[in-house]
Amino acid sequence: RVRPGATLAIGAPRNLFPLDTGHRGEALLVGGGIGVTPLIAMAHTLT
């Protein structure tokens, strides 16, 4: 279904895997295969 210009209904974001915002040390992110996707977002936030 996914094509440029097509429409898609989605739900609002929900988070079951949040970053610990109170932690100020190093974060070690390990993503296996497609599991890297939420960790890419974490890398942006940490940056």
All heavy atoms as atom14 arrays in JSON, in Angstrom:
{
  "sequence": "RVRPGATLAIGAPRNLFPLDTGHRGEALLVGGGIGVTPLIAMAHTLT",
  "atom14_mask": [
    [1, 1, 1, 1, 1, 1, 1, 1, 1, 1, 1, 0, 0, 0],
    [1, 1, 1, 1, 1, 1, 1, 0, 0, 0, 0, 0, 0, 0],
    [1, 1, 1, 1, 1, 1, 1, 1, 1, 1, 1, 0, 0, 0],
    [1, 1, 1, 1, 1, 1, 1, 0, 0, 0, 0, 0, 0, 0],
    [1, 1, 1, 1, 0, 0, 0, 0, 0, 0, 0, 0, 0, 0],
    [1, 1, 1, 1, 1, 0, 0, 0, 0, 0, 0, 0, 0, 0],
    [1, 1, 1, 1, 1, 1, 1, 0, 0, 0, 0, 0, 0, 0],
    [1, 1, 1, 1, 1, 1, 1, 1, 0, 0, 0, 0, 0, 0],
    [1, 1, 1, 1, 1, 0, 0, 0, 0, 0, 0, 0, 0, 0],
    [1, 1, 1, 1, 1, 1, 1, 1, 0, 0, 0, 0, 0, 0],
    [1, 1, 1, 1, 0, 0, 0, 0, 0, 0, 0, 0, 0, 0],
    [1, 1, 1, 1, 1, 0, 0, 0, 0, 0, 0, 0, 0, 0],
    [1, 1, 1, 1, 1, 1, 1, 0, 0, 0, 0, 0, 0, 0],
    [1, 1, 1, 1, 1, 1, 1, 1, 1, 1, 1, 0, 0, 0],
    [1, 1, 1, 1, 1, 1, 1, 1, 0, 0, 0, 0, 0, 0],
    [1, 1, 1, 1, 1, 1, 1, 1, 0, 0, 0, 0, 0, 0],
    [1, 1, 1, 1, 1, 1, 1, 1, 1, 1, 1, 0, 0, 0],
    [1, 1, 1, 1, 1, 1, 1, 0, 0, 0, 0, 0, 0, 0],
    [1, 1, 1, 1, 1, 1, 1, 1, 0, 0, 0, 0, 0, 0],
    [1, 1, 1, 1, 1, 1, 1, 1, 0, 0, 0, 0, 0, 0],
    [1, 1, 1, 1, 1, 1, 1, 0, 0, 0, 0, 0, 0, 0],
    [1, 1, 1, 1, 0, 0, 0, 0, 0, 0, 0, 0, 0, 0],
    [1, 1, 1, 1, 1, 1, 1, 1, 1, 1, 0, 0, 0, 0],
    [1, 1, 1, 1, 1, 1, 1, 1, 1, 1, 1, 0, 0, 0],
    [1, 1, 1, 1, 0, 0, 0, 0, 0, 0, 0, 0, 0, 0],
    [1, 1, 1, 1, 1, 1, 1, 1, 1, 0, 0, 0, 0, 0],
    [1, 1, 1, 1, 1, 0, 0, 0, 0, 0, 0, 0, 0, 0],
    [1, 1, 1, 1, 1, 1, 1, 1, 0, 0, 0, 0, 0, 0],
    [1, 1, 1, 1, 1, 1, 1, 1, 0, 0, 0, 0, 0, 0],
    [1, 1, 1, 1, 1, 1, 1, 0, 0, 0, 0, 0, 0, 0],
    [1, 1, 1, 1, 0, 0, 0, 0, 0, 0, 0, 0, 0, 0],
    [1, 1, 1, 1, 0, 0, 0, 0, 0, 0, 0, 0, 0, 0],
    [1, 1, 1, 1, 0, 0, 0, 0, 0, 0, 0, 0, 0, 0],
    [1, 1, 1, 1, 1, 1, 1, 1, 0, 0, 0, 0, 0, 0],
    [1, 1, 1, 1, 0, 0, 0, 0, 0, 0, 0, 0, 0, 0],
    [1, 1, 1, 1, 1, 1, 1, 0, 0, 0, 0, 0, 0, 0],
    [1, 1, 1, 1, 1, 1, 1, 0, 0, 0, 0, 0, 0, 0],
    [1, 1, 1, 1, 1, 1, 1, 0, 0, 0, 0, 0, 0, 0],
    [1, 1, 1, 1, 1, 1, 1, 1, 0, 0, 0, 0, 0, 0],
    [1, 1, 1, 1, 1, 1, 1, 1, 0, 0, 0, 0, 0, 0],
    [1, 1, 1, 1, 1, 0, 0, 0, 0, 0, 0, 0, 0, 0],
    [1, 1, 1, 1, 1, 1, 1, 1, 0, 0, 0, 0, 0, 0],
    [1, 1, 1, 1, 1, 0, 0, 0, 0, 0, 0, 0, 0, 0],
    [1, 1, 1, 1, 1, 1, 1, 1, 1, 1, 0, 0, 0, 0],
    [1, 1, 1, 1, 1, 1, 1, 0, 0, 0, 0, 0, 0, 0],
    [1, 1, 1, 1, 1, 1, 1, 1, 0, 0, 0, 0, 0, 0],
    [1, 1, 1, 1, 1, 1, 1, 0, 0, 0, 0, 0, 0, 0]
  ],
  "atom14_positions": [
    [[0.78, -1.23, 0.0], [0.0, 0.0, 0.0], [0.82, 1.28, 0.0], [0.35, 2.32, -0.48], [-0.93, 0.03, 1.22], [-2.11, -0.9, 1.14], [-3.08, -0.61, 2.26], [-3.43, 0.81, 2.33], [-4.24, 1.33, 3.24], [-4.79, 0.55, 4.15], [-4.5, 2.62, 3.25], [0.0, 0.0, 0.0], [0.0, 0.0, 0.0], [0.0, 0.0, 0.0]],
    [[2.0, 1.24, 0.58], [2.77, 2.48, 0.78], [3.38, 2.94, -0.54], [4.25, 2.28, -1.12], [3.85, 2.28, 1.86], [4.83, 3.44, 1.87], [3.19, 2.14, 3.22], [0.0, 0.0, 0.0], [0.0, 0.0, 0.0], [0.0, 0.0, 0.0], [0.0, 0.0, 0.0], [0.0, 0.0, 0.0], [0.0, 0.0, 0.0], [0.0, 0.0, 0.0]],
    [[2.89, 4.09, -1.0], [3.38, 4.74, -2.21], [3.38, 6.25, -1.97], [2.49, 6.76, -1.29], [2.49, 4.43, -3.42], [2.43, 2.95, -3.81], [3.75, 2.46, -4.39], [3.66, 1.06, -4.81], [3.9, 0.03, -4.04], [4.24, 0.23, -2.77], [3.83, -1.21, -4.49], [0.0, 0.0, 0.0], [0.0, 0.0, 0.0], [0.0, 0.0, 0.0]],
    [[4.33, 6.99, -2.54], [4.31, 8.45, -2.37], [2.97, 9.05, -2.8], [2.43, 8.71, -3.85], [5.46, 8.92, -3.28], [6.37, 7.75, -3.38], [5.48, 6.55, -3.36], [0.0, 0.0, 0.0], [0.0, 0.0, 0.0], [0.0, 0.0, 0.0], [0.0, 0.0, 0.0], [0.0, 0.0, 0.0], [0.0, 0.0, 0.0], [0.0, 0.0, 0.0]],
    [[2.42, 9.91, -1.94], [1.16, 10.57, -2.24], [-0.07, 9.85, -1.74], [-1.16, 10.44, -1.68], [0.0, 0.0, 0.0], [0.0, 0.0, 0.0], [0.0, 0.0, 0.0], [0.0, 0.0, 0.0], [0.0, 0.0, 0.0], [0.0, 0.0, 0.0], [0.0, 0.0, 0.0], [0.0, 0.0, 0.0], [0.0, 0.0, 0.0], [0.0, 0.0, 0.0]],
    [[0.04, 8.56, -1.39], [-1.1, 7.83, -0.85], [-1.39, 8.28, 0.58], [-0.53, 8.86, 1.25], [-0.83, 6.33, -0.89], [0.0, 0.0, 0.0], [0.0, 0.0, 0.0], [0.0, 0.0, 0.0], [0.0, 0.0, 0.0], [0.0, 0.0, 0.0], [0.0, 0.0, 0.0], [0.0, 0.0, 0.0], [0.0, 0.0, 0.0], [0.0, 0.0, 0.0]],
    [[-2.6, 8.03, 1.04], [-2.97, 8.39, 2.41], [-2.95, 7.16, 3.3], [-3.13, 6.03, 2.83], [-4.36, 9.04, 2.46], [-5.33, 8.11, 1.92], [-4.38, 10.32, 1.65], [0.0, 0.0, 0.0], [0.0, 0.0, 0.0], [0.0, 0.0, 0.0], [0.0, 0.0, 0.0], [0.0, 0.0, 0.0], [0.0, 0.0, 0.0], [0.0, 0.0, 0.0]],
    [[-2.73, 7.39, 4.59], [-2.67, 6.29, 5.56], [-3.15, 6.8, 6.91], [-2.66, 7.82, 7.4], [-1.24, 5.76, 5.66], [-0.99, 4.55, 6.56], [-1.77, 3.33, 6.04], [0.49, 4.21, 6.62], [0.0, 0.0, 0.0], [0.0, 0.0, 0.0], [0.0, 0.0, 0.0], [0.0, 0.0, 0.0], [0.0, 0.0, 0.0], [0.0, 0.0, 0.0]],
    [[-4.11, 6.09, 7.49], [-4.59, 6.45, 8.82], [-3.69, 5.8, 9.87], [-3.33, 4.63, 9.77], [-6.03, 6.0, 9.01], [0.0, 0.0, 0.0], [0.0, 0.0, 0.0], [0.0, 0.0, 0.0], [0.0, 0.0, 0.0], [0.0, 0.0, 0.0], [0.0, 0.0, 0.0], [0.0, 0.0, 0.0], [0.0, 0.0, 0.0], [0.0, 0.0, 0.0]],
    [[-3.35, 6.58, 10.9], [-2.48, 6.08, 11.96], [-3.07, 6.44, 13.32], [-4.02, 7.23, 13.41], [-1.06, 6.68, 11.85], [-1.1, 8.2, 12.11], [-0.45, 6.38, 10.48], [0.27, 8.84, 12.23], [0.0, 0.0, 0.0], [0.0, 0.0, 0.0], [0.0, 0.0, 0.0], [0.0, 0.0, 0.0], [0.0, 0.0, 0.0], [0.0, 0.0, 0.0]],
    [[-2.53, 5.87, 14.37], [-2.89, 6.24, 15.73], [-1.83, 7.13, 16.34], [-0.71, 7.23, 15.83], [0.0, 0.0, 0.0], [0.0, 0.0, 0.0], [0.0, 0.0, 0.0], [0.0, 0.0, 0.0], [0.0, 0.0, 0.0], [0.0, 0.0, 0.0], [0.0, 0.0, 0.0], [0.0, 0.0, 0.0], [0.0, 0.0, 0.0], [0.0, 0.0, 0.0]],
    [[-2.17, 7.79, 17.43], [-1.22, 8.65, 18.12], [-0.08, 7.8, 18.72], [-0.28, 6.64, 19.07], [-1.92, 9.44, 19.22], [0.0, 0.0, 0.0], [0.0, 0.0, 0.0], [0.0, 0.0, 0.0], [0.0, 0.0, 0.0], [0.0, 0.0, 0.0], [0.0, 0.0, 0.0], [0.0, 0.0, 0.0], [0.0, 0.0, 0.0], [0.0, 0.0, 0.0]],
    [[1.11, 8.36, 18.83], [2.24, 7.6, 19.38], [1.99, 7.12, 20.81], [1.4, 7.83, 21.63], [3.4, 8.61, 19.35], [3.01, 9.61, 18.32], [1.52, 9.71, 18.4], [0.0, 0.0, 0.0], [0.0, 0.0, 0.0], [0.0, 0.0, 0.0], [0.0, 0.0, 0.0], [0.0, 0.0, 0.0], [0.0, 0.0, 0.0], [0.0, 0.0, 0.0]],
    [[2.44, 5.89, 21.08], [2.44, 5.33, 22.44], [3.85, 4.81, 22.71], [4.51, 4.33, 21.8], [1.42, 4.19, 22.57], [0.0, 4.59, 22.28], [-0.98, 3.58, 22.89], [-0.76, 2.23, 22.42], [-1.34, 1.7, 21.34], [-2.13, 2.43, 20.59], [-1.11, 0.46, 20.98], [0.0, 0.0, 0.0], [0.0, 0.0, 0.0], [0.0, 0.0, 0.0]],
    [[4.27, 4.87, 23.95], [5.65, 4.52, 24.26], [5.73, 3.47, 25.35], [5.38, 3.72, 26.5], [6.44, 5.77, 24.68], [7.94, 5.58, 24.49], [8.42, 4.46, 24.4], [8.67, 6.68, 24.41], [0.0, 0.0, 0.0], [0.0, 0.0, 0.0], [0.0, 0.0, 0.0], [0.0, 0.0, 0.0], [0.0, 0.0, 0.0], [0.0, 0.0, 0.0]],
    [[6.18, 2.27, 24.98], [6.44, 1.19, 25.94], [7.93, 1.0, 26.19], [8.32, 0.11, 26.93], [5.85, -0.13, 25.39], [4.38, -0.13, 24.98], [4.0, -1.46, 24.37], [3.5, 0.19, 26.18], [0.0, 0.0, 0.0], [0.0, 0.0, 0.0], [0.0, 0.0, 0.0], [0.0, 0.0, 0.0], [0.0, 0.0, 0.0], [0.0, 0.0, 0.0]],
    [[8.74, 1.84, 25.57], [10.19, 1.64, 25.58], [10.9, 2.99, 25.73], [11.72, 3.38, 24.91], [10.58, 0.96, 24.26], [12.01, 0.51, 24.15], [12.69, -0.05, 25.21], [12.67, 0.62, 22.93], [14.01, -0.48, 25.08], [13.98, 0.18, 22.77], [14.65, -0.37, 23.85], [0.0, 0.0, 0.0], [0.0, 0.0, 0.0], [0.0, 0.0, 0.0]],
    [[10.59, 3.75, 26.79], [11.11, 5.12, 26.89], [12.56, 5.16, 27.36], [13.06, 4.25, 28.04], [10.2, 5.75, 27.93], [9.8, 4.6, 28.82], [9.68, 3.41, 27.9], [0.0, 0.0, 0.0], [0.0, 0.0, 0.0], [0.0, 0.0, 0.0], [0.0, 0.0, 0.0], [0.0, 0.0, 0.0], [0.0, 0.0, 0.0], [0.0, 0.0, 0.0]],
    [[13.23, 6.24, 26.99], [14.55, 6.53, 27.54], [14.41, 6.94, 29.0], [13.44, 7.59, 29.38], [15.2, 7.68, 26.78], [15.99, 7.36, 25.51], [16.32, 8.65, 24.77], [17.27, 6.6, 25.84], [0.0, 0.0, 0.0], [0.0, 0.0, 0.0], [0.0, 0.0, 0.0], [0.0, 0.0, 0.0], [0.0, 0.0, 0.0], [0.0, 0.0, 0.0]],
    [[15.4, 6.56, 29.81], [15.46, 7.0, 31.2], [16.03, 8.41, 31.2], [17.24, 8.61, 31.13], [16.33, 6.05, 32.01], [16.43, 6.45, 33.47], [15.84, 7.48, 33.85], [17.11, 5.74, 34.23], [0.0, 0.0, 0.0], [0.0, 0.0, 0.0], [0.0, 0.0, 0.0], [0.0, 0.0, 0.0], [0.0, 0.0, 0.0], [0.0, 0.0, 0.0]],
    [[15.14, 9.4, 31.27], [15.59, 10.79, 31.17], [16.37, 11.25, 32.39], [17.05, 12.28, 32.35], [14.39, 11.73, 30.95], [13.44, 11.52, 32.02], [13.7, 11.43, 29.62], [0.0, 0.0, 0.0], [0.0, 0.0, 0.0], [0.0, 0.0, 0.0], [0.0, 0.0, 0.0], [0.0, 0.0, 0.0], [0.0, 0.0, 0.0], [0.0, 0.0, 0.0]],
    [[16.29, 10.52, 33.5], [17.03, 10.89, 34.69], [18.46, 10.4, 34.71], [19.25, 10.79, 35.57], [0.0, 0.0, 0.0], [0.0, 0.0, 0.0], [0.0, 0.0, 0.0], [0.0, 0.0, 0.0], [0.0, 0.0, 0.0], [0.0, 0.0, 0.0], [0.0, 0.0, 0.0], [0.0, 0.0, 0.0], [0.0, 0.0, 0.0], [0.0, 0.0, 0.0]],
    [[18.81, 9.53, 33.74], [20.16, 8.96, 33.71], [21.08, 9.86, 32.91], [20.77, 10.27, 31.79], [20.12, 7.57, 33.07], [21.46, 6.91, 32.98], [22.08, 6.35, 34.06], [22.3, 6.75, 31.93], [23.25, 5.86, 33.69], [23.41, 6.09, 32.41], [0.0, 0.0, 0.0], [0.0, 0.0, 0.0], [0.0, 0.0, 0.0], [0.0, 0.0, 0.0]],
    [[22.24, 10.2, 33.47], [23.17, 11.11, 32.8], [24.48, 10.44, 32.42], [25.39, 11.1, 31.93], [23.46, 12.32, 33.71], [22.24, 13.2, 33.92], [21.72, 13.73, 32.6], [20.41, 14.34, 32.72], [19.66, 14.69, 31.68], [20.08, 14.44, 30.47], [18.48, 15.25, 31.86], [0.0, 0.0, 0.0], [0.0, 0.0, 0.0], [0.0, 0.0, 0.0]],
    [[24.6, 9.13, 32.61], [25.8, 8.43, 32.18], [25.67, 8.0, 30.73], [24.88, 8.54, 29.96], [0.0, 0.0, 0.0], [0.0, 0.0, 0.0], [0.0, 0.0, 0.0], [0.0, 0.0, 0.0], [0.0, 0.0, 0.0], [0.0, 0.0, 0.0], [0.0, 0.0, 0.0], [0.0, 0.0, 0.0], [0.0, 0.0, 0.0], [0.0, 0.0, 0.0]],
    [[26.44, 7.01, 30.34], [26.42, 6.54, 28.96], [25.25, 5.59, 28.73], [24.89, 4.79, 29.6], [27.73, 5.83, 28.6], [27.75, 5.33, 27.16], [29.09, 4.72, 26.76], [30.08, 4.92, 27.5], [29.15, 4.05, 25.71], [0.0, 0.0, 0.0], [0.0, 0.0, 0.0], [0.0, 0.0, 0.0], [0.0, 0.0, 0.0], [0.0, 0.0, 0.0]],
    [[24.66, 5.66, 27.54], [23.62, 4.72, 27.12], [24.23, 3.79, 26.08], [24.84, 4.25, 25.1], [22.42, 5.46, 26.55], [0.0, 0.0, 0.0], [0.0, 0.0, 0.0], [0.0, 0.0, 0.0], [0.0, 0.0, 0.0], [0.0, 0.0, 0.0], [0.0, 0.0, 0.0], [0.0, 0.0, 0.0], [0.0, 0.0, 0.0], [0.0, 0.0, 0.0]],
    [[24.07, 2.49, 26.29], [24.51, 1.5, 25.32], [23.27, 0.97, 24.61], [22.4, 0.37, 25.24], [25.26, 0.37, 26.03], [25.97, -0.64, 25.12], [27.18, 0.01, 24.47], [26.4, -1.87, 25.91], [0.0, 0.0, 0.0], [0.0, 0.0, 0.0], [0.0, 0.0, 0.0], [0.0, 0.0, 0.0], [0.0, 0.0, 0.0], [0.0, 0.0, 0.0]],
    [[23.18, 1.2, 23.3], [22.02, 0.83, 22.51], [22.38, -0.37, 21.65], [23.36, -0.33, 20.9], [21.58, 1.99, 21.62], [21.5, 3.38, 22.27], [21.11, 4.43, 21.22], [20.51, 3.37, 23.43], [0.0, 0.0, 0.0], [0.0, 0.0, 0.0], [0.0, 0.0, 0.0], [0.0, 0.0, 0.0], [0.0, 0.0, 0.0], [0.0, 0.0, 0.0]],
    [[21.59, -1.45, 21.72], [21.86, -2.66, 20.94], [20.61, -2.99, 20.14], [19.58, -3.35, 20.71], [22.25, -3.84, 21.84], [22.56, -5.07, 20.98], [23.44, -3.49, 22.72], [0.0, 0.0, 0.0], [0.0, 0.0, 0.0], [0.0, 0.0, 0.0], [0.0, 0.0, 0.0], [0.0, 0.0, 0.0], [0.0, 0.0, 0.0], [0.0, 0.0, 0.0]],
    [[20.71, -2.88, 18.82], [19.58, -3.17, 17.95], [19.88, -4.33, 17.04], [20.89, -4.34, 16.33], [0.0, 0.0, 0.0], [0.0, 0.0, 0.0], [0.0, 0.0, 0.0], [0.0, 0.0, 0.0], [0.0, 0.0, 0.0], [0.0, 0.0, 0.0], [0.0, 0.0, 0.0], [0.0, 0.0, 0.0], [0.0, 0.0, 0.0], [0.0, 0.0, 0.0]],
    [[19.01, -5.33, 17.05], [19.16, -6.49, 16.18], [18.21, -6.42, 15.0], [16.99, -6.4, 15.17], [0.0, 0.0, 0.0], [0.0, 0.0, 0.0], [0.0, 0.0, 0.0], [0.0, 0.0, 0.0], [0.0, 0.0, 0.0], [0.0, 0.0, 0.0], [0.0, 0.0, 0.0], [0.0, 0.0, 0.0], [0.0, 0.0, 0.0], [0.0, 0.0, 0.0]],
    [[18.74, -6.34, 13.77], [17.89, -6.3, 12.59], [16.97, -5.11, 12.6], [17.37, -3.98, 12.88], [0.0, 0.0, 0.0], [0.0, 0.0, 0.0], [0.0, 0.0, 0.0], [0.0, 0.0, 0.0], [0.0, 0.0, 0.0], [0.0, 0.0, 0.0], [0.0, 0.0, 0.0], [0.0, 0.0, 0.0], [0.0, 0.0, 0.0], [0.0, 0.0, 0.0]],
    [[15.67, -5.35, 12.32], [14.69, -4.27, 12.28], [14.49, -3.66, 13.67], [13.95, -2.55, 13.8], [13.35, -4.77, 11.7], [12.45, -3.62, 11.28], [12.66, -5.7, 12.69], [12.99, -2.79, 10.14], [0.0, 0.0, 0.0], [0.0, 0.0, 0.0], [0.0, 0.0, 0.0], [0.0, 0.0, 0.0], [0.0, 0.0, 0.0], [0.0, 0.0, 0.0]],
    [[14.98, -4.34, 14.71], [14.89, -3.81, 16.07], [15.72, -2.57, 16.3], [15.6, -1.93, 17.35], [0.0, 0.0, 0.0], [0.0, 0.0, 0.0], [0.0, 0.0, 0.0], [0.0, 0.0, 0.0], [0.0, 0.0, 0.0], [0.0, 0.0, 0.0], [0.0, 0.0, 0.0], [0.0, 0.0, 0.0], [0.0, 0.0, 0.0], [0.0, 0.0, 0.0]],
    [[16.52, -2.18, 15.33], [17.32, -0.96, 15.47], [16.45, 0.28, 15.36], [16.86, 1.37, 15.78], [18.45, -0.93, 14.42], [17.92, -0.57, 13.03], [19.56, 0.04, 14.83], [0.0, 0.0, 0.0], [0.0, 0.0, 0.0], [0.0, 0.0, 0.0], [0.0, 0.0, 0.0], [0.0, 0.0, 0.0], [0.0, 0.0, 0.0], [0.0, 0.0, 0.0]],
    [[15.23, 0.17, 14.82], [14.45, 1.37, 14.52], [14.2, 2.27, 15.73], [14.47, 3.48, 15.64], [13.12, 1.0, 13.83], [12.44, -0.03, 14.57], [13.38, 0.51, 12.41], [0.0, 0.0, 0.0], [0.0, 0.0, 0.0], [0.0, 0.0, 0.0], [0.0, 0.0, 0.0], [0.0, 0.0, 0.0], [0.0, 0.0, 0.0], [0.0, 0.0, 0.0]],
    [[13.7, 1.78, 16.88], [13.5, 2.72, 17.99], [14.8, 3.26, 18.55], [14.84, 4.35, 19.13], [12.75, 1.88, 19.03], [13.14, 0.48, 18.74], [13.28, 0.42, 17.24], [0.0, 0.0, 0.0], [0.0, 0.0, 0.0], [0.0, 0.0, 0.0], [0.0, 0.0, 0.0], [0.0, 0.0, 0.0], [0.0, 0.0, 0.0], [0.0, 0.0, 0.0]],
    [[15.89, 2.52, 18.36], [17.19, 2.96, 18.88], [17.77, 4.1, 18.04], [18.54, 4.92, 18.55], [18.15, 1.78, 18.94], [17.65, 0.6, 19.79], [18.66, -0.54, 19.77], [17.36, 1.03, 21.21], [0.0, 0.0, 0.0], [0.0, 0.0, 0.0], [0.0, 0.0, 0.0], [0.0, 0.0, 0.0], [0.0, 0.0, 0.0], [0.0, 0.0, 0.0]],
    [[17.4, 4.16, 16.76], [17.82, 5.3, 15.94], [17.2, 6.58, 16.51], [17.87, 7.62, 16.62], [17.4, 5.09, 14.47], [18.17, 3.91, 13.87], [17.64, 6.36, 13.66], [17.71, 3.52, 12.48], [0.0, 0.0, 0.0], [0.0, 0.0, 0.0], [0.0, 0.0, 0.0], [0.0, 0.0, 0.0], [0.0, 0.0, 0.0], [0.0, 0.0, 0.0]],
    [[15.92, 6.5, 16.89], [15.27, 7.66, 17.51], [15.95, 8.02, 18.82], [16.13, 9.21, 19.14], [13.78, 7.37, 17.74], [0.0, 0.0, 0.0], [0.0, 0.0, 0.0], [0.0, 0.0, 0.0], [0.0, 0.0, 0.0], [0.0, 0.0, 0.0], [0.0, 0.0, 0.0], [0.0, 0.0, 0.0], [0.0, 0.0, 0.0], [0.0, 0.0, 0.0]],
    [[16.35, 7.02, 19.61], [17.05, 7.29, 20.86], [18.39, 7.97, 20.59], [18.79, 8.9, 21.32], [17.26, 5.99, 21.63], [16.01, 5.39, 22.2], [16.36, 3.93, 23.21], [14.69, 3.47, 23.72], [0.0, 0.0, 0.0], [0.0, 0.0, 0.0], [0.0, 0.0, 0.0], [0.0, 0.0, 0.0], [0.0, 0.0, 0.0], [0.0, 0.0, 0.0]],
    [[19.08, 7.54, 19.54], [20.37, 8.15, 19.21], [20.19, 9.63, 18.88], [21.02, 10.46, 19.27], [21.01, 7.4, 18.04], [0.0, 0.0, 0.0], [0.0, 0.0, 0.0], [0.0, 0.0, 0.0], [0.0, 0.0, 0.0], [0.0, 0.0, 0.0], [0.0, 0.0, 0.0], [0.0, 0.0, 0.0], [0.0, 0.0, 0.0], [0.0, 0.0, 0.0]],
    [[19.12, 9.96, 18.17], [18.84, 11.37, 17.88], [18.64, 12.16, 19.18], [19.21, 13.24, 19.37], [17.59, 11.49, 17.01], [17.82, 11.24, 15.56], [18.55, 12.1, 14.77], [17.39, 10.24, 14.76], [18.57, 11.62, 13.53], [17.87, 10.5, 13.49], [0.0, 0.0, 0.0], [0.0, 0.0, 0.0], [0.0, 0.0, 0.0], [0.0, 0.0, 0.0]],
    [[17.8, 11.62, 20.07], [17.49, 12.32, 21.32], [18.73, 12.5, 22.18], [18.97, 13.57, 22.75], [16.41, 11.55, 22.1], [15.2, 11.55, 21.33], [16.14, 12.19, 23.45], [0.0, 0.0, 0.0], [0.0, 0.0, 0.0], [0.0, 0.0, 0.0], [0.0, 0.0, 0.0], [0.0, 0.0, 0.0], [0.0, 0.0, 0.0], [0.0, 0.0, 0.0]],
    [[19.54, 11.46, 22.29], [20.75, 11.54, 23.09], [21.75, 12.53, 22.5], [22.45, 13.24, 23.22], [21.38, 10.15, 23.21], [20.57, 9.14, 24.04], [21.07, 7.72, 23.78], [20.64, 9.48, 25.52], [0.0, 0.0, 0.0], [0.0, 0.0, 0.0], [0.0, 0.0, 0.0], [0.0, 0.0, 0.0], [0.0, 0.0, 0.0], [0.0, 0.0, 0.0]],
    [[21.79, 12.59, 21.18], [22.67, 13.56, 20.52], [22.24, 14.99, 20.85], [23.07, 15.84, 21.2], [22.65, 13.35, 18.99], [23.14, 12.04, 18.69], [23.51, 14.39, 18.29], [0.0, 0.0, 0.0], [0.0, 0.0, 0.0], [0.0, 0.0, 0.0], [0.0, 0.0, 0.0], [0.0, 0.0, 0.0], [0.0, 0.0, 0.0], [0.0, 0.0, 0.0]]
  ]
}
